[in-house]
Amino acid sequence: APLIARLLGLLAWLVLLLPAWALAFWLTQLAYGWLLDIVL
């Protein structure tokens, strides 16, 4: 159903993006994180 499909699409977006963003944010706060900033 449309509502379920939209919720599943949002869930898929969150599953794919939030862990990747959180990991990248944490790593760029470490020493020499600026190197990862350039790479990203």
PDB file of all heavy atoms in Angstrom:
ATOM      1  N   ALA A   1       0.848  -1.193   0.000  1.00  0.00           N
ATOM      2  CA  ALA A   1       0.000   0.000   0.000  1.00  0.00           C
ATOM      3  C   ALA A   1       0.883   1.243   0.000  1.00  0.00           C
ATOM      4  O   ALA A   1       2.027   1.194   0.473  1.00  0.00           O
ATOM      5  CB  ALA A   1      -0.911  -0.018   1.234  1.00  0.00           C
ATOM      6  N   PRO A   2       0.377   2.370  -0.533  1.00  0.00           N
ATOM      7  CA  PRO A   2       1.211   3.568  -0.651  1.00  0.00           C
ATOM      8  C   PRO A   2       1.910   3.989   0.632  1.00  0.00           C
ATOM      9  O   PRO A   2       3.106   4.298   0.622  1.00  0.00           O
ATOM     10  CB  PRO A   2       0.221   4.632  -1.138  1.00  0.00           C
ATOM     11  CG  PRO A   2      -0.798   3.853  -1.906  1.00  0.00           C
ATOM     12  CD  PRO A   2      -0.932   2.565  -1.185  1.00  0.00           C
ATOM     13  N   LEU A   3       1.199   4.000   1.762  1.00  0.00           N
ATOM     14  CA  LEU A   3       1.811   4.434   3.015  1.00  0.00           C
ATOM     15  C   LEU A   3       2.929   3.483   3.436  1.00  0.00           C
ATOM     16  O   LEU A   3       4.015   3.917   3.840  1.00  0.00           O
ATOM     17  CB  LEU A   3       0.753   4.530   4.114  1.00  0.00           C
ATOM     18  CG  LEU A   3       1.278   4.924   5.499  1.00  0.00           C
ATOM     19  CD1 LEU A   3       1.965   6.289   5.450  1.00  0.00           C
ATOM     20  CD2 LEU A   3       0.154   4.924   6.522  1.00  0.00           C
ATOM     21  N   ILE A   4       2.682   2.179   3.329  1.00  0.00           N
ATOM     22  CA  ILE A   4       3.697   1.197   3.703  1.00  0.00           C
ATOM     23  C   ILE A   4       4.908   1.331   2.780  1.00  0.00           C
ATOM     24  O   ILE A   4       6.067   1.264   3.232  1.00  0.00           O
ATOM     25  CB  ILE A   4       3.120  -0.230   3.635  1.00  0.00           C
ATOM     26  CG1 ILE A   4       1.951  -0.366   4.621  1.00  0.00           C
ATOM     27  CG2 ILE A   4       4.198  -1.256   3.927  1.00  0.00           C
ATOM     28  CD1 ILE A   4       2.343  -0.132   6.060  1.00  0.00           C
ATOM     29  N   ALA A   5       4.666   1.512   1.488  1.00  0.00           N
ATOM     30  CA  ALA A   5       5.765   1.653   0.534  1.00  0.00           C
ATOM     31  C   ALA A   5       6.613   2.885   0.853  1.00  0.00           C
ATOM     32  O   ALA A   5       7.854   2.833   0.788  1.00  0.00           O
ATOM     33  CB  ALA A   5       5.212   1.741  -0.887  1.00  0.00           C
ATOM     34  N   ARG A   6       5.960   3.984   1.224  1.00  0.00           N
ATOM     35  CA  ARG A   6       6.715   5.188   1.571  1.00  0.00           C
ATOM     36  C   ARG A   6       7.538   4.983   2.837  1.00  0.00           C
ATOM     37  O   ARG A   6       8.696   5.415   2.922  1.00  0.00           O
ATOM     38  CB  ARG A   6       5.762   6.371   1.750  1.00  0.00           C
ATOM     39  CG  ARG A   6       5.196   6.889   0.435  1.00  0.00           C
ATOM     40  CD  ARG A   6       4.259   8.057   0.649  1.00  0.00           C
ATOM     41  NE  ARG A   6       3.833   8.638  -0.624  1.00  0.00           N
ATOM     42  CZ  ARG A   6       2.999   9.639  -0.752  1.00  0.00           C
ATOM     43  NH1 ARG A   6       2.469  10.195   0.342  1.00  0.00           N
ATOM     44  NH2 ARG A   6       2.680  10.105  -1.931  1.00  0.00           N
ATOM     45  N   LEU A   7       6.968   4.320   3.824  1.00  0.00           N
ATOM     46  CA  LEU A   7       7.698   4.061   5.060  1.00  0.00           C
ATOM     47  C   LEU A   7       8.882   3.129   4.815  1.00  0.00           C
ATOM     48  O   LEU A   7       9.962   3.327   5.385  1.00  0.00           O
ATOM     49  CB  LEU A   7       6.758   3.468   6.106  1.00  0.00           C
ATOM     50  CG  LEU A   7       5.697   4.410   6.673  1.00  0.00           C
ATOM     51  CD1 LEU A   7       4.746   3.667   7.605  1.00  0.00           C
ATOM     52  CD2 LEU A   7       6.349   5.581   7.405  1.00  0.00           C
ATOM     53  N   LEU A   8       8.689   2.125   3.974  1.00  0.00           N
ATOM     54  CA  LEU A   8       9.793   1.220   3.651  1.00  0.00           C
ATOM     55  C   LEU A   8      10.885   1.946   2.872  1.00  0.00           C
ATOM     56  O   LEU A   8      12.083   1.694   3.072  1.00  0.00           O
ATOM     57  CB  LEU A   8       9.272   0.027   2.845  1.00  0.00           C
ATOM     58  CG  LEU A   8       8.453  -1.001   3.642  1.00  0.00           C
ATOM     59  CD1 LEU A   8       7.838  -2.033   2.707  1.00  0.00           C
ATOM     60  CD2 LEU A   8       9.328  -1.678   4.685  1.00  0.00           C
ATOM     61  N   GLY A   9      10.498   2.866   1.985  1.00  0.00           N
ATOM     62  CA  GLY A   9      11.482   3.654   1.268  1.00  0.00           C
ATOM     63  C   GLY A   9      12.282   4.541   2.198  1.00  0.00           C
ATOM     64  O   GLY A   9      13.509   4.684   2.051  1.00  0.00           O
ATOM     65  N   LEU A  10      11.604   5.142   3.177  1.00  0.00           N
ATOM     66  CA  LEU A  10      12.303   5.956   4.174  1.00  0.00           C
ATOM     67  C   LEU A  10      13.227   5.091   5.016  1.00  0.00           C
ATOM     68  O   LEU A  10      14.374   5.483   5.314  1.00  0.00           O
ATOM     69  CB  LEU A  10      11.286   6.663   5.064  1.00  0.00           C
ATOM     70  CG  LEU A  10      11.849   7.479   6.230  1.00  0.00           C
ATOM     71  CD1 LEU A  10      12.766   8.585   5.718  1.00  0.00           C
ATOM     72  CD2 LEU A  10      10.726   8.059   7.080  1.00  0.00           C
ATOM     73  N   LEU A  11      12.754   3.909   5.414  1.00  0.00           N
ATOM     74  CA  LEU A  11      13.589   2.990   6.191  1.00  0.00           C
ATOM     75  C   LEU A  11      14.837   2.607   5.408  1.00  0.00           C
ATOM     76  O   LEU A  11      15.951   2.578   5.958  1.00  0.00           O
ATOM     77  CB  LEU A  11      12.779   1.743   6.553  1.00  0.00           C
ATOM     78  CG  LEU A  11      13.560   0.628   7.262  1.00  0.00           C
ATOM     79  CD1 LEU A  11      14.058   1.106   8.623  1.00  0.00           C
ATOM     80  CD2 LEU A  11      12.691  -0.620   7.403  1.00  0.00           C
ATOM     81  N   ALA A  12      14.666   2.294   4.132  1.00  0.00           N
ATOM     82  CA  ALA A  12      15.814   1.928   3.303  1.00  0.00           C
ATOM     83  C   ALA A  12      16.813   3.079   3.221  1.00  0.00           C
ATOM     84  O   ALA A  12      18.029   2.871   3.298  1.00  0.00           O
ATOM     85  CB  ALA A  12      15.334   1.531   1.903  1.00  0.00           C
ATOM     86  N   TRP A  13      16.311   4.310   3.075  1.00  0.00           N
ATOM     87  CA  TRP A  13      17.193   5.491   3.027  1.00  0.00           C
ATOM     88  C   TRP A  13      17.972   5.607   4.329  1.00  0.00           C
ATOM     89  O   TRP A  13      19.190   5.845   4.313  1.00  0.00           O
ATOM     90  CB  TRP A  13      16.343   6.732   2.783  1.00  0.00           C
ATOM     91  CG  TRP A  13      17.120   7.987   2.522  1.00  0.00           C
ATOM     92  CD1 TRP A  13      17.461   8.491   1.303  1.00  0.00           C
ATOM     93  CD2 TRP A  13      17.656   8.893   3.505  1.00  0.00           C
ATOM     94  NE1 TRP A  13      18.170   9.658   1.461  1.00  0.00           N
ATOM     95  CE2 TRP A  13      18.306   9.929   2.792  1.00  0.00           C
ATOM     96  CE3 TRP A  13      17.640   8.941   4.889  1.00  0.00           C
ATOM     97  CZ2 TRP A  13      18.936  10.991   3.444  1.00  0.00           C
ATOM     98  CZ3 TRP A  13      18.275   9.983   5.548  1.00  0.00           C
ATOM     99  CH2 TRP A  13      18.912  10.993   4.824  1.00  0.00           C
ATOM    100  N   LEU A  14      17.300   5.454   5.453  1.00  0.00           N
ATOM    101  CA  LEU A  14      17.962   5.584   6.755  1.00  0.00           C
ATOM    102  C   LEU A  14      19.008   4.487   6.952  1.00  0.00           C
ATOM    103  O   LEU A  14      20.109   4.749   7.440  1.00  0.00           O
ATOM    104  CB  LEU A  14      16.926   5.521   7.871  1.00  0.00           C
ATOM    105  CG  LEU A  14      15.943   6.697   7.959  1.00  0.00           C
ATOM    106  CD1 LEU A  14      14.845   6.400   8.967  1.00  0.00           C
ATOM    107  CD2 LEU A  14      16.668   7.984   8.327  1.00  0.00           C
ATOM    108  N   VAL A  15      18.673   3.262   6.584  1.00  0.00           N
ATOM    109  CA  VAL A  15      19.599   2.144   6.755  1.00  0.00           C
ATOM    110  C   VAL A  15      20.848   2.339   5.910  1.00  0.00           C
ATOM    111  O   VAL A  15      21.969   2.035   6.342  1.00  0.00           O
ATOM    112  CB  VAL A  15      18.893   0.809   6.397  1.00  0.00           C
ATOM    113  CG1 VAL A  15      19.903  -0.319   6.257  1.00  0.00           C
ATOM    114  CG2 VAL A  15      17.850   0.467   7.447  1.00  0.00           C
ATOM    115  N   LEU A  16      20.697   2.868   4.710  1.00  0.00           N
ATOM    116  CA  LEU A  16      21.827   3.022   3.811  1.00  0.00           C
ATOM    117  C   LEU A  16      22.689   4.240   4.146  1.00  0.00           C
ATOM    118  O   LEU A  16      23.919   4.182   4.018  1.00  0.00           O
ATOM    119  CB  LEU A  16      21.333   3.140   2.365  1.00  0.00           C
ATOM    120  CG  LEU A  16      20.776   1.865   1.736  1.00  0.00           C
ATOM    121  CD1 LEU A  16      20.044   2.185   0.448  1.00  0.00           C
ATOM    122  CD2 LEU A  16      21.902   0.866   1.471  1.00  0.00           C
ATOM    123  N   LEU A  17      22.072   5.334   4.594  1.00  0.00           N
ATOM    124  CA  LEU A  17      22.814   6.578   4.735  1.00  0.00           C
ATOM    125  C   LEU A  17      23.286   6.883   6.151  1.00  0.00           C
ATOM    126  O   LEU A  17      24.419   7.350   6.319  1.00  0.00           O
ATOM    127  CB  LEU A  17      21.978   7.762   4.216  1.00  0.00           C
ATOM    128  CG  LEU A  17      22.260   8.113   2.749  1.00  0.00           C
ATOM    129  CD1 LEU A  17      21.672   7.038   1.837  1.00  0.00           C
ATOM    130  CD2 LEU A  17      21.723   9.471   2.396  1.00  0.00           C
ATOM    131  N   LEU A  18      22.460   6.665   7.145  1.00  0.00           N
ATOM    132  CA  LEU A  18      22.848   7.088   8.491  1.00  0.00           C
ATOM    133  C   LEU A  18      24.106   6.399   9.011  1.00  0.00           C
ATOM    134  O   LEU A  18      24.993   7.075   9.559  1.00  0.00           O
ATOM    135  CB  LEU A  18      21.680   6.899   9.457  1.00  0.00           C
ATOM    136  CG  LEU A  18      20.546   7.928   9.341  1.00  0.00           C
ATOM    137  CD1 LEU A  18      19.581   7.778  10.514  1.00  0.00           C
ATOM    138  CD2 LEU A  18      21.069   9.352   9.273  1.00  0.00           C
ATOM    139  N   PRO A  19      24.251   5.074   8.878  1.00  0.00           N
ATOM    140  CA  PRO A  19      25.501   4.459   9.351  1.00  0.00           C
ATOM    141  C   PRO A  19      26.729   4.979   8.602  1.00  0.00           C
ATOM    142  O   PRO A  19      27.778   5.229   9.226  1.00  0.00           O
ATOM    143  CB  PRO A  19      25.282   2.965   9.091  1.00  0.00           C
ATOM    144  CG  PRO A  19      23.800   2.797   9.057  1.00  0.00           C
ATOM    145  CD  PRO A  19      23.280   4.061   8.440  1.00  0.00           C
ATOM    146  N   ALA A  20      26.614   5.156   7.284  1.00  0.00           N
ATOM    147  CA  ALA A  20      27.749   5.650   6.501  1.00  0.00           C
ATOM    148  C   ALA A  20      28.124   7.070   6.919  1.00  0.00           C
ATOM    149  O   ALA A  20      29.307   7.394   7.092  1.00  0.00           O
ATOM    150  CB  ALA A  20      27.405   5.612   5.011  1.00  0.00           C
ATOM    151  N   TRP A  21      27.107   7.915   7.113  1.00  0.00           N
ATOM    152  CA  TRP A  21      27.390   9.287   7.525  1.00  0.00           C
ATOM    153  C   TRP A  21      27.985   9.330   8.926  1.00  0.00           C
ATOM    154  O   TRP A  21      28.948  10.064   9.191  1.00  0.00           O
ATOM    155  CB  TRP A  21      26.114  10.130   7.481  1.00  0.00           C
ATOM    156  CG  TRP A  21      26.342  11.505   8.035  1.00  0.00           C
ATOM    157  CD1 TRP A  21      26.897  12.572   7.384  1.00  0.00           C
ATOM    158  CD2 TRP A  21      26.069  11.941   9.371  1.00  0.00           C
ATOM    159  NE1 TRP A  21      26.968  13.652   8.223  1.00  0.00           N
ATOM    160  CE2 TRP A  21      26.472  13.294   9.449  1.00  0.00           C
ATOM    161  CE3 TRP A  21      25.511  11.334  10.486  1.00  0.00           C
ATOM    162  CZ2 TRP A  21      26.335  14.034  10.627  1.00  0.00           C
ATOM    163  CZ3 TRP A  21      25.382  12.065  11.649  1.00  0.00           C
ATOM    164  CH2 TRP A  21      25.784  13.405  11.708  1.00  0.00           C
ATOM    165  N   ALA A  22      27.431   8.556   9.851  1.00  0.00           N
ATOM    166  CA  ALA A  22      27.913   8.564  11.235  1.00  0.00           C
ATOM    167  C   ALA A  22      29.362   8.080  11.318  1.00  0.00           C
ATOM    168  O   ALA A  22      30.186   8.668  12.039  1.00  0.00           O
ATOM    169  CB  ALA A  22      27.014   7.695  12.114  1.00  0.00           C
ATOM    170  N   LEU A  23      29.680   7.044  10.573  1.00  0.00           N
ATOM    171  CA  LEU A  23      31.050   6.538  10.576  1.00  0.00           C
ATOM    172  C   LEU A  23      32.010   7.575   9.996  1.00  0.00           C
ATOM    173  O   LEU A  23      33.094   7.816  10.557  1.00  0.00           O
ATOM    174  CB  LEU A  23      31.128   5.242   9.770  1.00  0.00           C
ATOM    175  CG  LEU A  23      32.529   4.624   9.641  1.00  0.00           C
ATOM    176  CD1 LEU A  23      33.078   4.250  11.008  1.00  0.00           C
ATOM    177  CD2 LEU A  23      32.476   3.404   8.713  1.00  0.00           C
ATOM    178  N   ALA A  24      31.608   8.198   8.885  1.00  0.00           N
ATOM    179  CA  ALA A  24      32.460   9.216   8.275  1.00  0.00           C
ATOM    180  C   ALA A  24      32.651  10.403   9.212  1.00  0.00           C
ATOM    181  O   ALA A  24      33.767  10.932   9.352  1.00  0.00           O
ATOM    182  CB  ALA A  24      31.856   9.673   6.951  1.00  0.00           C
ATOM    183  N   PHE A  25      31.580  10.828   9.870  1.00  0.00           N
ATOM    184  CA  PHE A  25      31.683  11.957  10.791  1.00  0.00           C
ATOM    185  C   PHE A  25      32.637  11.635  11.939  1.00  0.00           C
ATOM    186  O   PHE A  25      33.466  12.459  12.324  1.00  0.00           O
ATOM    187  CB  PHE A  25      30.295  12.308  11.346  1.00  0.00           C
ATOM    188  CG  PHE A  25      30.299  13.465  12.298  1.00  0.00           C
ATOM    189  CD1 PHE A  25      30.319  14.768  11.832  1.00  0.00           C
ATOM    190  CD2 PHE A  25      30.281  13.246  13.677  1.00  0.00           C
ATOM    191  CE1 PHE A  25      30.331  15.839  12.714  1.00  0.00           C
ATOM    192  CE2 PHE A  25      30.295  14.313  14.566  1.00  0.00           C
ATOM    193  CZ  PHE A  25      30.321  15.605  14.082  1.00  0.00           C
ATOM    194  N   TRP A  26      32.520  10.431  12.508  1.00  0.00           N
ATOM    195  CA  TRP A  26      33.392  10.039  13.627  1.00  0.00           C
ATOM    196  C   TRP A  26      34.851   9.988  13.188  1.00  0.00           C
ATOM    197  O   TRP A  26      35.733  10.501  13.870  1.00  0.00           O
ATOM    198  CB  TRP A  26      32.946   8.681  14.162  1.00  0.00           C
ATOM    199  CG  TRP A  26      33.852   8.157  15.237  1.00  0.00           C
ATOM    200  CD1 TRP A  26      34.040   8.656  16.492  1.00  0.00           C
ATOM    201  CD2 TRP A  26      34.704   7.019  15.136  1.00  0.00           C
ATOM    202  NE1 TRP A  26      34.964   7.909  17.183  1.00  0.00           N
ATOM    203  CE2 TRP A  26      35.377   6.893  16.377  1.00  0.00           C
ATOM    204  CE3 TRP A  26      34.954   6.083  14.129  1.00  0.00           C
ATOM    205  CZ2 TRP A  26      36.294   5.868  16.616  1.00  0.00           C
ATOM    206  CZ3 TRP A  26      35.860   5.064  14.375  1.00  0.00           C
ATOM    207  CH2 TRP A  26      36.518   4.975  15.603  1.00  0.00           C
ATOM    208  N   LEU A  27      35.115   9.399  12.039  1.00  0.00           N
ATOM    209  CA  LEU A  27      36.496   9.260  11.578  1.00  0.00           C
ATOM    210  C   LEU A  27      37.140  10.607  11.278  1.00  0.00           C
ATOM    211  O   LEU A  27      38.342  10.797  11.513  1.00  0.00           O
ATOM    212  CB  LEU A  27      36.542   8.367  10.336  1.00  0.00           C
ATOM    213  CG  LEU A  27      36.244   6.880  10.565  1.00  0.00           C
ATOM    214  CD1 LEU A  27      36.181   6.135   9.238  1.00  0.00           C
ATOM    215  CD2 LEU A  27      37.286   6.255  11.481  1.00  0.00           C
ATOM    216  N   THR A  28      36.357  11.560  10.781  1.00  0.00           N
ATOM    217  CA  THR A  28      36.935  12.868  10.470  1.00  0.00           C
ATOM    218  C   THR A  28      37.221  13.698  11.704  1.00  0.00           C
ATOM    219  O   THR A  28      37.882  14.738  11.611  1.00  0.00           O
ATOM    220  CB  THR A  28      36.009  13.668   9.526  1.00  0.00           C
ATOM    221  OG1 THR A  28      34.705  13.761  10.097  1.00  0.00           O
ATOM    222  CG2 THR A  28      35.937  13.015   8.160  1.00  0.00           C
ATOM    223  N   GLN A  29      36.729  13.260  12.866  1.00  0.00           N
ATOM    224  CA  GLN A  29      37.041  13.962  14.109  1.00  0.00           C
ATOM    225  C   GLN A  29      38.348  13.479  14.726  1.00  0.00           C
ATOM    226  O   GLN A  29      38.854  14.088  15.679  1.00  0.00           O
ATOM    227  CB  GLN A  29      35.913  13.791  15.135  1.00  0.00           C
ATOM    228  CG  GLN A  29      34.529  14.106  14.624  1.00  0.00           C
ATOM    229  CD  GLN A  29      34.426  15.456  13.945  1.00  0.00           C
ATOM    230  OE1 GLN A  29      34.730  16.485  14.538  1.00  0.00           O
ATOM    231  NE2 GLN A  29      34.000  15.448  12.685  1.00  0.00           N
ATOM    232  N   LEU A  30      38.883  12.383  14.225  1.00  0.00           N
ATOM    233  CA  LEU A  30      40.113  11.830  14.776  1.00  0.00           C
ATOM    234  C   LEU A  30      41.330  12.592  14.260  1.00  0.00           C
ATOM    235  O   LEU A  30      41.229  13.439  13.366  1.00  0.00           O
ATOM    236  CB  LEU A  30      40.225  10.346  14.403  1.00  0.00           C
ATOM    237  CG  LEU A  30      39.070   9.440  14.854  1.00  0.00           C
ATOM    238  CD1 LEU A  30      39.302   8.026  14.373  1.00  0.00           C
ATOM    239  CD2 LEU A  30      38.888   9.484  16.363  1.00  0.00           C
ATOM    240  N   ALA A  31      42.479  12.284  14.825  1.00  0.00           N
ATOM    241  CA  ALA A  31      43.721  12.879  14.337  1.00  0.00           C
ATOM    242  C   ALA A  31      43.900  12.531  12.856  1.00  0.00           C
ATOM    243  O   ALA A  31      43.643  11.399  12.433  1.00  0.00           O
ATOM    244  CB  ALA A  31      44.907  12.363  15.154  1.00  0.00           C
ATOM    245  N   TYR A  32      44.317  13.514  12.091  1.00  0.00           N
ATOM    246  CA  TYR A  32      44.495  13.381  10.644  1.00  0.00           C
ATOM    247  C   TYR A  32      43.172  13.091   9.924  1.00  0.00           C
ATOM    248  O   TYR A  32      43.172  12.579   8.800  1.00  0.00           O
ATOM    249  CB  TYR A  32      45.529  12.304  10.296  1.00  0.00           C
ATOM    250  CG  TYR A  32      46.891  12.564  10.898  1.00  0.00           C
ATOM    251  CD1 TYR A  32      47.324  11.853  12.011  1.00  0.00           C
ATOM    252  CD2 TYR A  32      47.710  13.557  10.368  1.00  0.00           C
ATOM    253  CE1 TYR A  32      48.561  12.111  12.587  1.00  0.00           C
ATOM    254  CE2 TYR A  32      48.959  13.822  10.923  1.00  0.00           C
ATOM    255  CZ  TYR A  32      49.376  13.101  12.042  1.00  0.00           C
ATOM    256  OH  TYR A  32      50.593  13.363  12.593  1.00  0.00           O
ATOM    257  N   GLY A  33      42.060  13.413  10.588  1.00  0.00           N
ATOM    258  CA  GLY A  33      40.774  13.248   9.924  1.00  0.00           C
ATOM    259  C   GLY A  33      40.621  14.118   8.697  1.00  0.00           C
ATOM    260  O   GLY A  33      39.813  13.819   7.824  1.00  0.00           O
ATOM    261  N   TRP A  34      41.420  15.182   8.634  1.00  0.00           N
ATOM    262  CA  TRP A  34      41.348  16.074   7.465  1.00  0.00           C
ATOM    263  C   TRP A  34      41.739  15.337   6.182  1.00  0.00           C
ATOM    264  O   TRP A  34      41.273  15.701   5.089  1.00  0.00           O
ATOM    265  CB  TRP A  34      42.241  17.299   7.669  1.00  0.00           C
ATOM    266  CG  TRP A  34      43.685  16.981   7.955  1.00  0.00           C
ATOM    267  CD1 TRP A  34      44.247  16.788   9.168  1.00  0.00           C
ATOM    268  CD2 TRP A  34      44.730  16.858   6.995  1.00  0.00           C
ATOM    269  NE1 TRP A  34      45.596  16.532   9.044  1.00  0.00           N
ATOM    270  CE2 TRP A  34      45.918  16.572   7.716  1.00  0.00           C
ATOM    271  CE3 TRP A  34      44.791  16.966   5.615  1.00  0.00           C
ATOM    272  CZ2 TRP A  34      47.150  16.387   7.095  1.00  0.00           C
ATOM    273  CZ3 TRP A  34      46.018  16.775   4.977  1.00  0.00           C
ATOM    274  CH2 TRP A  34      47.176  16.484   5.715  1.00  0.00           C
ATOM    275  N   LEU A  35      42.559  14.293   6.295  1.00  0.00           N
ATOM    276  CA  LEU A  35      42.896  13.508   5.104  1.00  0.00           C
ATOM    277  C   LEU A  35      41.659  12.799   4.566  1.00  0.00           C
ATOM    278  O   LEU A  35      41.440  12.734   3.350  1.00  0.00           O
ATOM    279  CB  LEU A  35      43.987  12.492   5.436  1.00  0.00           C
ATOM    280  CG  LEU A  35      45.384  13.054   5.687  1.00  0.00           C
ATOM    281  CD1 LEU A  35      46.314  11.954   6.180  1.00  0.00           C
ATOM    282  CD2 LEU A  35      45.940  13.688   4.410  1.00  0.00           C
ATOM    283  N   LEU A  36      40.839  12.278   5.477  1.00  0.00           N
ATOM    284  CA  LEU A  36      39.597  11.635   5.054  1.00  0.00           C
ATOM    285  C   LEU A  36      38.629  12.665   4.470  1.00  0.00           C
ATOM    286  O   LEU A  36      37.881  12.353   3.538  1.00  0.00           O
ATOM    287  CB  LEU A  36      38.955  10.902   6.225  1.00  0.00           C
ATOM    288  CG  LEU A  36      37.661  10.144   5.909  1.00  0.00           C
ATOM    289  CD1 LEU A  36      37.895   9.092   4.836  1.00  0.00           C
ATOM    290  CD2 LEU A  36      37.096   9.493   7.169  1.00  0.00           C
ATOM    291  N   ASP A  37      38.635  13.894   5.018  1.00  0.00           N
ATOM    292  CA  ASP A  37      37.805  14.952   4.439  1.00  0.00           C
ATOM    293  C   ASP A  37      38.117  15.130   2.955  1.00  0.00           C
ATOM    294  O   ASP A  37      37.220  15.239   2.121  1.00  0.00           O
ATOM    295  CB  ASP A  37      38.043  16.275   5.173  1.00  0.00           C
ATOM    296  CG  ASP A  37      37.234  16.396   6.448  1.00  0.00           C
ATOM    297  OD1 ASP A  37      36.072  15.963   6.444  1.00  0.00           O
ATOM    298  OD2 ASP A  37      37.766  16.912   7.438  1.00  0.00           O
ATOM    299  N   ILE A  38      39.402  15.171   2.637  1.00  0.00           N
ATOM    300  CA  ILE A  38      39.820  15.338   1.238  1.00  0.00           C
ATOM    301  C   ILE A  38      39.337  14.159   0.394  1.00  0.00           C
ATOM    302  O   ILE A  38      38.777  14.341  -0.699  1.00  0.00           O
ATOM    303  CB  ILE A  38      41.348  15.479   1.141  1.00  0.00           C
ATOM    304  CG1 ILE A  38      41.818  16.763   1.813  1.00  0.00           C
ATOM    305  CG2 ILE A  38      41.797  15.452  -0.324  1.00  0.00           C
ATOM    306  CD1 ILE A  38      43.333  16.889   1.896  1.00  0.00           C
ATOM    307  N   VAL A  39      39.544  12.958   0.912  1.00  0.00           N
ATOM    308  CA  VAL A  39      39.165  11.759   0.159  1.00  0.00           C
ATOM    309  C   VAL A  39      37.661  11.709  -0.068  1.00  0.00           C
ATOM    310  O   VAL A  39      37.193  11.398  -1.173  1.00  0.00           O
ATOM    311  CB  VAL A  39      39.650  10.494   0.903  1.00  0.00           C
ATOM    312  CG1 VAL A  39      39.091   9.236   0.237  1.00  0.00           C
ATOM    313  CG2 VAL A  39      41.170  10.441   0.931  1.00  0.00           C
ATOM    314  N   LEU A  40      36.883  12.017   0.964  1.00  0.00           N
ATOM    315  CA  LEU A  40      35.431  11.975   0.828  1.00  0.00           C
ATOM    316  C   LEU A  40      34.931  12.994  -0.188  1.00  0.00           C
ATOM    317  O   LEU A  40      34.044  12.694  -0.998  1.00  0.00           O
ATOM    318  CB  LEU A  40      34.770  12.209   2.188  1.00  0.00           C
ATOM    319  CG  LEU A  40      34.902  11.070   3.199  1.00  0.00           C
ATOM    320  CD1 LEU A  40      34.373  11.504   4.561  1.00  0.00           C
ATOM    321  CD2 LEU A  40      34.164   9.823   2.722  1.00  0.00           C
TER     322      LEU A  40
END
